[in-house]
Amino acid sequence: MTDGIREVHQRGLFYDELEEGVRYVHSPGRTATEADNTLFTTLTMNAQALHLDAAFAAGQPFGQRLMNSMWTLSTLVGASVAQITQGTLVAQLGLTDISFPHPVFHGDTLYSETLVTQKRLSRSRPGQGIVTMQHTGRNQRGEIVATASRVALMWQSQQARDAASA
């Protein structure tokens, strides 16, 4: 409290606040731009012409440049941070079952959601738990454009840690 005004700090959810079978819908969506694609693709040294060369991409099956799928994955997971893991994540343990069933193009908007599919307390790290999440990204037409399963090591709340040690 400063100057008599109560402060609320934004954070993610602690292990004990996450519930299996609950879908967390993230906001806002993120519209993919040509600049995003060019910057991300060149920063990551991915010289794939499907991302950078409009004339080449025009002659390919989708007829236009595709957003870099790693940008899509990063944005999909990143959209969950403020709501799920900001300040409550110990470490990301892995990503599996990543798929991109529909392409993302410049001008598409990516909407993200996270379903908690499993959680358990860590057997080796007191005060922490392992959470499995299924991330799903949809475009503005509701088409699924990306999915990924993510396993994260999460802090328990201080209240839960205190209760466990008592």
N, C-alpha and C. Protein backbone atom coordinates (compact mmCIF):
# COMPACT_ATOMS: atom_id res chain seq x y z
N MET A 1 0.86 -1.17 0.00
CA MET A 1 0.00 0.00 0.00
C MET A 1 0.90 1.23 0.00
N THR A 2 0.63 2.13 -0.91
CA THR A 2 1.37 3.39 -0.93
C THR A 2 0.36 4.52 -0.91
N ASP A 3 0.61 5.51 -0.10
CA ASP A 3 -0.27 6.68 0.01
C ASP A 3 -1.71 6.28 0.32
N GLY A 4 -1.89 5.18 1.06
CA GLY A 4 -3.22 4.75 1.47
C GLY A 4 -4.04 4.12 0.35
N ILE A 5 -3.44 3.92 -0.82
CA ILE A 5 -4.17 3.31 -1.94
C ILE A 5 -3.69 1.87 -2.08
N ARG A 6 -4.63 0.95 -2.09
CA ARG A 6 -4.31 -0.47 -2.23
C ARG A 6 -3.84 -0.72 -3.66
N GLU A 7 -2.76 -1.48 -3.81
CA GLU A 7 -2.23 -1.81 -5.13
C GLU A 7 -2.57 -3.25 -5.48
N VAL A 8 -2.89 -3.48 -6.72
CA VAL A 8 -3.11 -4.82 -7.24
C VAL A 8 -2.13 -5.02 -8.38
N HIS A 9 -1.28 -6.02 -8.26
CA HIS A 9 -0.28 -6.31 -9.29
C HIS A 9 -0.78 -7.44 -10.17
N GLN A 10 -0.69 -7.23 -11.47
CA GLN A 10 -1.11 -8.27 -12.41
C GLN A 10 -0.17 -9.46 -12.31
N ARG A 11 -0.73 -10.63 -12.32
CA ARG A 11 0.06 -11.86 -12.29
C ARG A 11 -0.76 -12.97 -12.94
N GLY A 12 -0.07 -14.06 -13.19
CA GLY A 12 -0.74 -15.26 -13.68
C GLY A 12 -1.42 -15.98 -12.52
N LEU A 13 -1.80 -17.19 -12.77
CA LEU A 13 -2.46 -18.01 -11.76
C LEU A 13 -1.46 -18.99 -11.16
N PHE A 14 -1.53 -19.18 -9.85
CA PHE A 14 -0.68 -20.16 -9.20
C PHE A 14 -1.22 -21.56 -9.47
N TYR A 15 -0.36 -22.55 -9.26
CA TYR A 15 -0.72 -23.94 -9.47
C TYR A 15 -2.08 -24.27 -8.86
N ASP A 16 -2.27 -23.87 -7.61
CA ASP A 16 -3.50 -24.23 -6.89
C ASP A 16 -4.72 -23.45 -7.39
N GLU A 17 -4.53 -22.42 -8.18
CA GLU A 17 -5.66 -21.66 -8.74
C GLU A 17 -6.10 -22.20 -10.10
N LEU A 18 -5.23 -22.95 -10.76
CA LEU A 18 -5.57 -23.54 -12.06
C LEU A 18 -6.43 -24.77 -11.86
N GLU A 19 -7.40 -24.94 -12.75
CA GLU A 19 -8.31 -26.08 -12.62
C GLU A 19 -8.27 -26.91 -13.89
N GLU A 20 -8.19 -28.24 -13.70
CA GLU A 20 -8.28 -29.14 -14.84
C GLU A 20 -9.64 -28.99 -15.49
N GLY A 21 -9.66 -29.07 -16.81
CA GLY A 21 -10.92 -29.00 -17.54
C GLY A 21 -11.47 -27.60 -17.73
N VAL A 22 -10.71 -26.59 -17.33
CA VAL A 22 -11.15 -25.21 -17.51
C VAL A 22 -10.42 -24.62 -18.72
N ARG A 23 -11.16 -23.93 -19.56
CA ARG A 23 -10.60 -23.25 -20.73
C ARG A 23 -10.45 -21.77 -20.40
N TYR A 24 -9.24 -21.28 -20.54
CA TYR A 24 -8.93 -19.87 -20.30
C TYR A 24 -8.81 -19.21 -21.66
N VAL A 25 -9.68 -18.23 -21.92
CA VAL A 25 -9.70 -17.54 -23.21
C VAL A 25 -8.93 -16.24 -23.06
N HIS A 26 -7.93 -16.05 -23.91
CA HIS A 26 -7.02 -14.91 -23.79
C HIS A 26 -7.45 -13.75 -24.69
N SER A 27 -7.16 -12.56 -24.19
CA SER A 27 -7.54 -11.35 -24.91
C SER A 27 -6.42 -10.34 -24.75
N PRO A 28 -6.15 -9.53 -25.73
CA PRO A 28 -6.82 -9.43 -27.02
C PRO A 28 -6.24 -10.43 -28.02
N GLY A 29 -6.86 -10.49 -29.19
CA GLY A 29 -6.29 -11.24 -30.30
C GLY A 29 -5.11 -10.46 -30.86
N ARG A 30 -4.41 -11.05 -31.81
CA ARG A 30 -3.24 -10.40 -32.40
C ARG A 30 -3.31 -10.54 -33.91
N THR A 31 -3.39 -9.40 -34.61
CA THR A 31 -3.42 -9.42 -36.06
C THR A 31 -2.00 -9.51 -36.59
N ALA A 32 -1.78 -10.50 -37.46
CA ALA A 32 -0.47 -10.76 -38.05
C ALA A 32 -0.21 -9.75 -39.16
N THR A 33 0.97 -9.14 -39.14
CA THR A 33 1.31 -8.16 -40.17
C THR A 33 2.50 -8.64 -41.00
N GLU A 34 2.66 -8.03 -42.14
CA GLU A 34 3.82 -8.32 -42.98
C GLU A 34 5.11 -8.01 -42.22
N ALA A 35 5.10 -6.91 -41.47
CA ALA A 35 6.29 -6.53 -40.69
C ALA A 35 6.63 -7.60 -39.66
N ASP A 36 5.61 -8.15 -38.98
CA ASP A 36 5.84 -9.23 -38.01
C ASP A 36 6.55 -10.40 -38.69
N ASN A 37 6.03 -10.78 -39.85
CA ASN A 37 6.54 -11.93 -40.57
C ASN A 37 7.98 -11.71 -41.02
N THR A 38 8.24 -10.55 -41.60
CA THR A 38 9.58 -10.25 -42.10
C THR A 38 10.58 -10.16 -40.95
N LEU A 39 10.22 -9.46 -39.90
CA LEU A 39 11.13 -9.29 -38.76
C LEU A 39 11.41 -10.62 -38.08
N PHE A 40 10.36 -11.37 -37.75
CA PHE A 40 10.54 -12.64 -37.06
C PHE A 40 11.35 -13.61 -37.91
N THR A 41 11.02 -13.68 -39.18
CA THR A 41 11.69 -14.61 -40.09
C THR A 41 13.18 -14.28 -40.23
N THR A 42 13.49 -13.00 -40.38
CA THR A 42 14.90 -12.63 -40.53
C THR A 42 15.65 -12.70 -39.21
N LEU A 43 15.03 -12.34 -38.09
CA LEU A 43 15.68 -12.45 -36.79
C LEU A 43 16.08 -13.89 -36.47
N THR A 44 15.26 -14.83 -36.91
CA THR A 44 15.50 -16.24 -36.60
C THR A 44 16.27 -16.95 -37.71
N MET A 45 16.77 -16.19 -38.68
CA MET A 45 17.60 -16.69 -39.78
C MET A 45 16.89 -17.75 -40.62
N ASN A 46 15.59 -17.61 -40.76
CA ASN A 46 14.80 -18.54 -41.55
C ASN A 46 14.61 -17.90 -42.93
N ALA A 47 15.36 -18.34 -43.89
CA ALA A 47 15.34 -17.73 -45.22
C ALA A 47 14.28 -18.36 -46.14
N GLN A 48 13.27 -18.98 -45.57
CA GLN A 48 12.24 -19.65 -46.36
C GLN A 48 11.51 -18.64 -47.24
N ALA A 49 11.55 -18.87 -48.55
CA ALA A 49 10.91 -17.96 -49.51
C ALA A 49 9.40 -17.87 -49.31
N LEU A 50 8.78 -18.89 -48.74
CA LEU A 50 7.33 -18.83 -48.50
C LEU A 50 6.95 -17.71 -47.55
N HIS A 51 7.91 -17.23 -46.74
CA HIS A 51 7.65 -16.14 -45.80
C HIS A 51 8.09 -14.79 -46.34
N LEU A 52 9.07 -14.77 -47.23
CA LEU A 52 9.74 -13.52 -47.60
C LEU A 52 9.54 -13.08 -49.04
N ASP A 53 9.25 -13.99 -49.94
CA ASP A 53 9.26 -13.70 -51.38
C ASP A 53 7.85 -13.79 -51.94
N ALA A 54 7.20 -12.63 -52.12
CA ALA A 54 5.80 -12.59 -52.58
C ALA A 54 5.64 -13.23 -53.96
N ALA A 55 6.58 -12.99 -54.86
CA ALA A 55 6.47 -13.55 -56.22
C ALA A 55 6.58 -15.07 -56.19
N PHE A 56 7.53 -15.59 -55.41
CA PHE A 56 7.67 -17.03 -55.26
C PHE A 56 6.41 -17.63 -54.64
N ALA A 57 5.96 -17.04 -53.53
CA ALA A 57 4.80 -17.58 -52.81
C ALA A 57 3.54 -17.55 -53.67
N ALA A 58 3.43 -16.58 -54.56
CA ALA A 58 2.24 -16.49 -55.44
C ALA A 58 2.11 -17.73 -56.32
N GLY A 59 3.23 -18.37 -56.64
CA GLY A 59 3.20 -19.57 -57.46
C GLY A 59 3.08 -20.86 -56.68
N GLN A 60 2.93 -20.77 -55.38
CA GLN A 60 2.82 -21.95 -54.52
C GLN A 60 1.34 -22.23 -54.20
N PRO A 61 1.05 -23.38 -53.58
CA PRO A 61 -0.35 -23.79 -53.38
C PRO A 61 -1.25 -22.77 -52.69
N PHE A 62 -0.74 -21.97 -51.74
CA PHE A 62 -1.62 -21.02 -51.05
C PHE A 62 -1.67 -19.67 -51.75
N GLY A 63 -0.82 -19.45 -52.74
CA GLY A 63 -0.89 -18.25 -53.57
C GLY A 63 -0.44 -16.95 -52.92
N GLN A 64 0.09 -17.04 -51.71
CA GLN A 64 0.56 -15.85 -51.01
C GLN A 64 1.53 -16.28 -49.91
N ARG A 65 2.22 -15.29 -49.34
CA ARG A 65 3.17 -15.60 -48.27
C ARG A 65 2.44 -16.13 -47.04
N LEU A 66 3.08 -17.07 -46.39
CA LEU A 66 2.56 -17.63 -45.15
C LEU A 66 3.27 -16.97 -43.97
N MET A 67 2.55 -16.78 -42.89
CA MET A 67 3.20 -16.35 -41.65
C MET A 67 4.11 -17.48 -41.20
N ASN A 68 5.25 -17.12 -40.67
CA ASN A 68 6.19 -18.08 -40.13
C ASN A 68 5.49 -18.86 -39.01
N SER A 69 5.50 -20.18 -39.10
CA SER A 69 4.77 -20.98 -38.11
C SER A 69 5.35 -20.83 -36.70
N MET A 70 6.64 -20.51 -36.60
CA MET A 70 7.21 -20.31 -35.28
C MET A 70 6.72 -18.99 -34.68
N TRP A 71 6.41 -17.99 -35.51
CA TRP A 71 5.77 -16.77 -35.02
C TRP A 71 4.39 -17.13 -34.48
N THR A 72 3.67 -17.96 -35.21
CA THR A 72 2.34 -18.37 -34.78
C THR A 72 2.41 -19.09 -33.44
N LEU A 73 3.35 -20.04 -33.31
CA LEU A 73 3.50 -20.77 -32.05
C LEU A 73 3.88 -19.83 -30.91
N SER A 74 4.85 -18.97 -31.15
CA SER A 74 5.29 -18.04 -30.11
C SER A 74 4.17 -17.11 -29.67
N THR A 75 3.39 -16.63 -30.61
CA THR A 75 2.29 -15.73 -30.29
C THR A 75 1.17 -16.48 -29.57
N LEU A 76 0.91 -17.71 -29.99
CA LEU A 76 -0.10 -18.54 -29.34
C LEU A 76 0.23 -18.73 -27.86
N VAL A 77 1.46 -19.14 -27.58
CA VAL A 77 1.86 -19.35 -26.18
C VAL A 77 1.97 -18.01 -25.46
N GLY A 78 2.55 -17.02 -26.12
CA GLY A 78 2.73 -15.71 -25.51
C GLY A 78 1.43 -15.06 -25.07
N ALA A 79 0.36 -15.30 -25.81
CA ALA A 79 -0.95 -14.71 -25.46
C ALA A 79 -1.46 -15.22 -24.12
N SER A 80 -0.95 -16.36 -23.66
CA SER A 80 -1.43 -16.94 -22.40
C SER A 80 -0.68 -16.41 -21.18
N VAL A 81 0.45 -15.75 -21.39
CA VAL A 81 1.33 -15.41 -20.28
C VAL A 81 0.65 -14.53 -19.22
N ALA A 82 0.06 -13.43 -19.63
CA ALA A 82 -0.53 -12.50 -18.65
C ALA A 82 -1.59 -13.18 -17.79
N GLN A 83 -2.38 -14.06 -18.39
CA GLN A 83 -3.49 -14.69 -17.67
C GLN A 83 -3.07 -15.94 -16.90
N ILE A 84 -2.06 -16.66 -17.39
CA ILE A 84 -1.75 -17.97 -16.81
C ILE A 84 -0.42 -18.00 -16.06
N THR A 85 0.66 -17.49 -16.63
CA THR A 85 1.99 -17.78 -16.07
C THR A 85 2.82 -16.57 -15.63
N GLN A 86 2.32 -15.36 -15.79
CA GLN A 86 3.12 -14.18 -15.43
C GLN A 86 3.45 -14.19 -13.95
N GLY A 87 4.72 -14.39 -13.64
CA GLY A 87 5.16 -14.38 -12.25
C GLY A 87 4.86 -15.65 -11.46
N THR A 88 4.22 -16.63 -12.09
CA THR A 88 3.87 -17.87 -11.40
C THR A 88 4.52 -19.09 -12.03
N LEU A 89 5.24 -18.88 -13.11
CA LEU A 89 5.95 -19.96 -13.80
C LEU A 89 7.34 -20.12 -13.21
N VAL A 90 7.72 -21.36 -12.92
CA VAL A 90 9.09 -21.66 -12.52
C VAL A 90 9.91 -21.91 -13.78
N ALA A 91 9.39 -22.78 -14.66
CA ALA A 91 10.08 -23.12 -15.90
C ALA A 91 9.13 -23.81 -16.86
N GLN A 92 9.37 -23.59 -18.13
CA GLN A 92 8.66 -24.36 -19.15
C GLN A 92 9.41 -25.68 -19.31
N LEU A 93 8.70 -26.80 -19.25
CA LEU A 93 9.34 -28.11 -19.31
C LEU A 93 9.31 -28.72 -20.70
N GLY A 94 8.33 -28.32 -21.51
CA GLY A 94 8.30 -28.88 -22.86
C GLY A 94 7.07 -28.50 -23.64
N LEU A 95 7.22 -28.59 -24.95
CA LEU A 95 6.13 -28.41 -25.91
C LEU A 95 6.09 -29.66 -26.78
N THR A 96 4.90 -30.22 -26.97
CA THR A 96 4.74 -31.40 -27.81
C THR A 96 3.48 -31.25 -28.64
N ASP A 97 3.29 -32.19 -29.54
CA ASP A 97 2.07 -32.28 -30.34
C ASP A 97 1.71 -30.93 -30.97
N ILE A 98 2.69 -30.28 -31.54
CA ILE A 98 2.49 -28.98 -32.19
C ILE A 98 1.98 -29.24 -33.60
N SER A 99 0.91 -28.56 -33.96
CA SER A 99 0.40 -28.69 -35.33
C SER A 99 -0.14 -27.36 -35.82
N PHE A 100 -0.13 -27.24 -37.14
CA PHE A 100 -0.61 -26.04 -37.82
C PHE A 100 -1.59 -26.48 -38.91
N PRO A 101 -2.84 -26.79 -38.53
CA PRO A 101 -3.78 -27.37 -39.49
C PRO A 101 -4.29 -26.41 -40.56
N HIS A 102 -4.10 -25.13 -40.40
CA HIS A 102 -4.55 -24.15 -41.38
C HIS A 102 -3.52 -23.02 -41.40
N PRO A 103 -3.17 -22.50 -42.58
CA PRO A 103 -2.16 -21.45 -42.62
C PRO A 103 -2.65 -20.13 -42.05
N VAL A 104 -1.68 -19.31 -41.62
CA VAL A 104 -1.94 -17.95 -41.18
C VAL A 104 -1.31 -17.02 -42.21
N PHE A 105 -2.07 -16.02 -42.64
CA PHE A 105 -1.63 -15.06 -43.64
C PHE A 105 -1.55 -13.67 -43.03
N HIS A 106 -0.83 -12.78 -43.70
CA HIS A 106 -0.81 -11.37 -43.28
C HIS A 106 -2.25 -10.89 -43.21
N GLY A 107 -2.60 -10.19 -42.16
CA GLY A 107 -3.96 -9.68 -41.99
C GLY A 107 -4.87 -10.58 -41.19
N ASP A 108 -4.50 -11.83 -40.98
CA ASP A 108 -5.31 -12.71 -40.13
C ASP A 108 -5.12 -12.31 -38.67
N THR A 109 -6.14 -12.54 -37.87
CA THR A 109 -6.05 -12.27 -36.44
C THR A 109 -6.06 -13.60 -35.70
N LEU A 110 -5.08 -13.77 -34.82
CA LEU A 110 -4.93 -14.99 -34.03
C LEU A 110 -5.58 -14.79 -32.67
N TYR A 111 -6.52 -15.67 -32.36
CA TYR A 111 -7.18 -15.69 -31.04
C TYR A 111 -6.74 -16.97 -30.34
N SER A 112 -6.41 -16.85 -29.05
CA SER A 112 -5.80 -17.97 -28.33
C SER A 112 -6.61 -18.35 -27.10
N GLU A 113 -6.52 -19.64 -26.79
CA GLU A 113 -7.13 -20.15 -25.56
C GLU A 113 -6.27 -21.28 -25.03
N THR A 114 -6.41 -21.54 -23.74
CA THR A 114 -5.63 -22.58 -23.08
C THR A 114 -6.56 -23.43 -22.23
N LEU A 115 -6.48 -24.73 -22.43
CA LEU A 115 -7.23 -25.69 -21.64
C LEU A 115 -6.25 -26.41 -20.73
N VAL A 116 -6.49 -26.37 -19.42
CA VAL A 116 -5.66 -27.12 -18.49
C VAL A 116 -6.15 -28.57 -18.51
N THR A 117 -5.26 -29.47 -18.95
CA THR A 117 -5.67 -30.87 -19.12
C THR A 117 -5.22 -31.77 -17.98
N GLN A 118 -4.17 -31.35 -17.26
CA GLN A 118 -3.68 -32.20 -16.18
C GLN A 118 -2.82 -31.35 -15.25
N LYS A 119 -2.81 -31.73 -13.99
CA LYS A 119 -1.91 -31.09 -13.04
C LYS A 119 -1.63 -32.05 -11.89
N ARG A 120 -0.42 -31.91 -11.36
CA ARG A 120 -0.03 -32.71 -10.20
C ARG A 120 1.07 -31.97 -9.46
N LEU A 121 1.14 -32.18 -8.17
CA LEU A 121 2.22 -31.59 -7.38
C LEU A 121 3.54 -32.24 -7.77
N SER A 122 4.60 -31.46 -7.76
CA SER A 122 5.93 -31.98 -8.04
C SER A 122 6.35 -32.90 -6.89
N ARG A 123 6.94 -34.04 -7.24
CA ARG A 123 7.42 -34.97 -6.22
C ARG A 123 8.79 -34.56 -5.71
N SER A 124 9.52 -33.76 -6.49
CA SER A 124 10.90 -33.42 -6.11
C SER A 124 11.09 -31.95 -5.76
N ARG A 125 10.06 -31.13 -6.01
CA ARG A 125 10.22 -29.69 -5.78
C ARG A 125 9.04 -29.18 -4.94
N PRO A 126 9.20 -29.16 -3.62
CA PRO A 126 8.11 -28.69 -2.74
C PRO A 126 7.66 -27.27 -3.12
N GLY A 127 6.37 -27.04 -3.05
CA GLY A 127 5.82 -25.72 -3.35
C GLY A 127 5.60 -25.48 -4.83
N GLN A 128 5.80 -26.52 -5.64
CA GLN A 128 5.65 -26.39 -7.08
C GLN A 128 4.81 -27.54 -7.62
N GLY A 129 4.20 -27.30 -8.78
CA GLY A 129 3.39 -28.32 -9.41
C GLY A 129 3.60 -28.32 -10.92
N ILE A 130 3.27 -29.43 -11.53
CA ILE A 130 3.42 -29.59 -12.98
C ILE A 130 2.04 -29.52 -13.61
N VAL A 131 1.92 -28.62 -14.59
CA VAL A 131 0.63 -28.37 -15.25
C VAL A 131 0.79 -28.65 -16.75
N THR A 132 -0.13 -29.43 -17.29
CA THR A 132 -0.17 -29.67 -18.74
C THR A 132 -1.31 -28.86 -19.32
N MET A 133 -0.99 -28.11 -20.36
CA MET A 133 -1.96 -27.21 -21.00
C MET A 133 -2.05 -27.52 -22.49
N GLN A 134 -3.23 -27.37 -23.03
CA GLN A 134 -3.43 -27.49 -24.48
C GLN A 134 -3.76 -26.09 -25.01
N HIS A 135 -2.84 -25.53 -25.79
CA HIS A 135 -3.06 -24.22 -26.39
C HIS A 135 -3.71 -24.41 -27.76
N THR A 136 -4.71 -23.58 -28.06
CA THR A 136 -5.36 -23.61 -29.37
C THR A 136 -5.45 -22.19 -29.90
N GLY A 137 -5.08 -22.03 -31.16
CA GLY A 137 -5.19 -20.75 -31.83
C GLY A 137 -6.17 -20.83 -32.98
N ARG A 138 -7.02 -19.82 -33.08
CA ARG A 138 -8.00 -19.76 -34.17
C ARG A 138 -7.85 -18.42 -34.88
N ASN A 139 -8.17 -18.42 -36.17
CA ASN A 139 -8.17 -17.14 -36.90
C ASN A 139 -9.52 -16.46 -36.73
N GLN A 140 -9.69 -15.34 -37.39
CA GLN A 140 -10.91 -14.54 -37.26
C GLN A 140 -12.15 -15.27 -37.79
N ARG A 141 -11.97 -16.34 -38.54
CA ARG A 141 -13.10 -17.13 -39.04
C ARG A 141 -13.38 -18.34 -38.15
N GLY A 142 -12.62 -18.47 -37.06
CA GLY A 142 -12.81 -19.59 -36.13
C GLY A 142 -12.09 -20.85 -36.54
N GLU A 143 -11.30 -20.80 -37.61
CA GLU A 143 -10.56 -21.97 -38.06
C GLU A 143 -9.35 -22.19 -37.15
N ILE A 144 -9.14 -23.43 -36.74
CA ILE A 144 -7.97 -23.73 -35.92
C ILE A 144 -6.72 -23.63 -36.79
N VAL A 145 -5.79 -22.77 -36.35
CA VAL A 145 -4.56 -22.56 -37.12
C VAL A 145 -3.34 -23.12 -36.39
N ALA A 146 -3.45 -23.40 -35.11
CA ALA A 146 -2.32 -23.94 -34.35
C ALA A 146 -2.79 -24.59 -33.07
N THR A 147 -2.12 -25.68 -32.71
CA THR A 147 -2.33 -26.31 -31.41
C THR A 147 -0.98 -26.74 -30.86
N ALA A 148 -0.87 -26.78 -29.56
CA ALA A 148 0.35 -27.25 -28.91
C ALA A 148 0.03 -27.69 -27.50
N SER A 149 0.66 -28.75 -27.07
CA SER A 149 0.57 -29.19 -25.69
C SER A 149 1.81 -28.66 -24.97
N ARG A 150 1.62 -28.11 -23.80
CA ARG A 150 2.72 -27.47 -23.07
C ARG A 150 2.72 -27.99 -21.64
N VAL A 151 3.90 -28.31 -21.14
CA VAL A 151 4.06 -28.73 -19.75
C VAL A 151 4.90 -27.67 -19.05
N ALA A 152 4.40 -27.19 -17.91
CA ALA A 152 5.06 -26.11 -17.20
C ALA A 152 5.16 -26.44 -15.71
N LEU A 153 6.25 -26.02 -15.13
CA LEU A 153 6.44 -26.11 -13.68
C LEU A 153 5.98 -24.79 -13.09
N MET A 154 5.00 -24.86 -12.20
CA MET A 154 4.35 -23.66 -11.67
C MET A 154 4.51 -23.60 -10.15
N TRP A 155 4.59 -22.36 -9.66
CA TRP A 155 4.60 -22.16 -8.21
C TRP A 155 3.22 -22.41 -7.63
N GLN A 156 3.16 -22.93 -6.42
CA GLN A 156 1.93 -22.89 -5.64
C GLN A 156 1.86 -21.50 -5.02
N SER A 157 0.68 -21.07 -4.62
CA SER A 157 0.55 -19.80 -3.93
C SER A 157 1.26 -19.88 -2.59
N GLN A 158 1.62 -18.74 -2.04
CA GLN A 158 2.28 -18.72 -0.73
C GLN A 158 1.38 -19.34 0.32
N GLN A 159 0.09 -19.10 0.22
CA GLN A 159 -0.88 -19.66 1.16
C GLN A 159 -0.84 -21.19 1.10
N ALA A 160 -0.80 -21.77 -0.10
CA ALA A 160 -0.74 -23.22 -0.24
C ALA A 160 0.60 -23.77 0.25
N ARG A 161 1.70 -23.04 0.00
CA ARG A 161 3.02 -23.46 0.48
C ARG A 161 3.06 -23.45 2.01
N ASP A 162 2.48 -22.39 2.60
CA ASP A 162 2.46 -22.29 4.06
C ASP A 162 1.62 -23.43 4.66
N ALA A 163 0.47 -23.72 4.05
CA ALA A 163 -0.40 -24.78 4.54
C ALA A 163 0.28 -26.15 4.45
N ALA A 164 1.05 -26.36 3.38
CA ALA A 164 1.73 -27.64 3.21
C ALA A 164 2.87 -27.84 4.21
N SER A 165 3.50 -26.75 4.60
CA SER A 165 4.60 -26.87 5.55
C SER A 165 4.15 -26.86 7.00
N ALA A 166 2.89 -26.55 7.24
CA ALA A 166 2.37 -26.50 8.62
C ALA A 166 2.05 -27.87 9.16
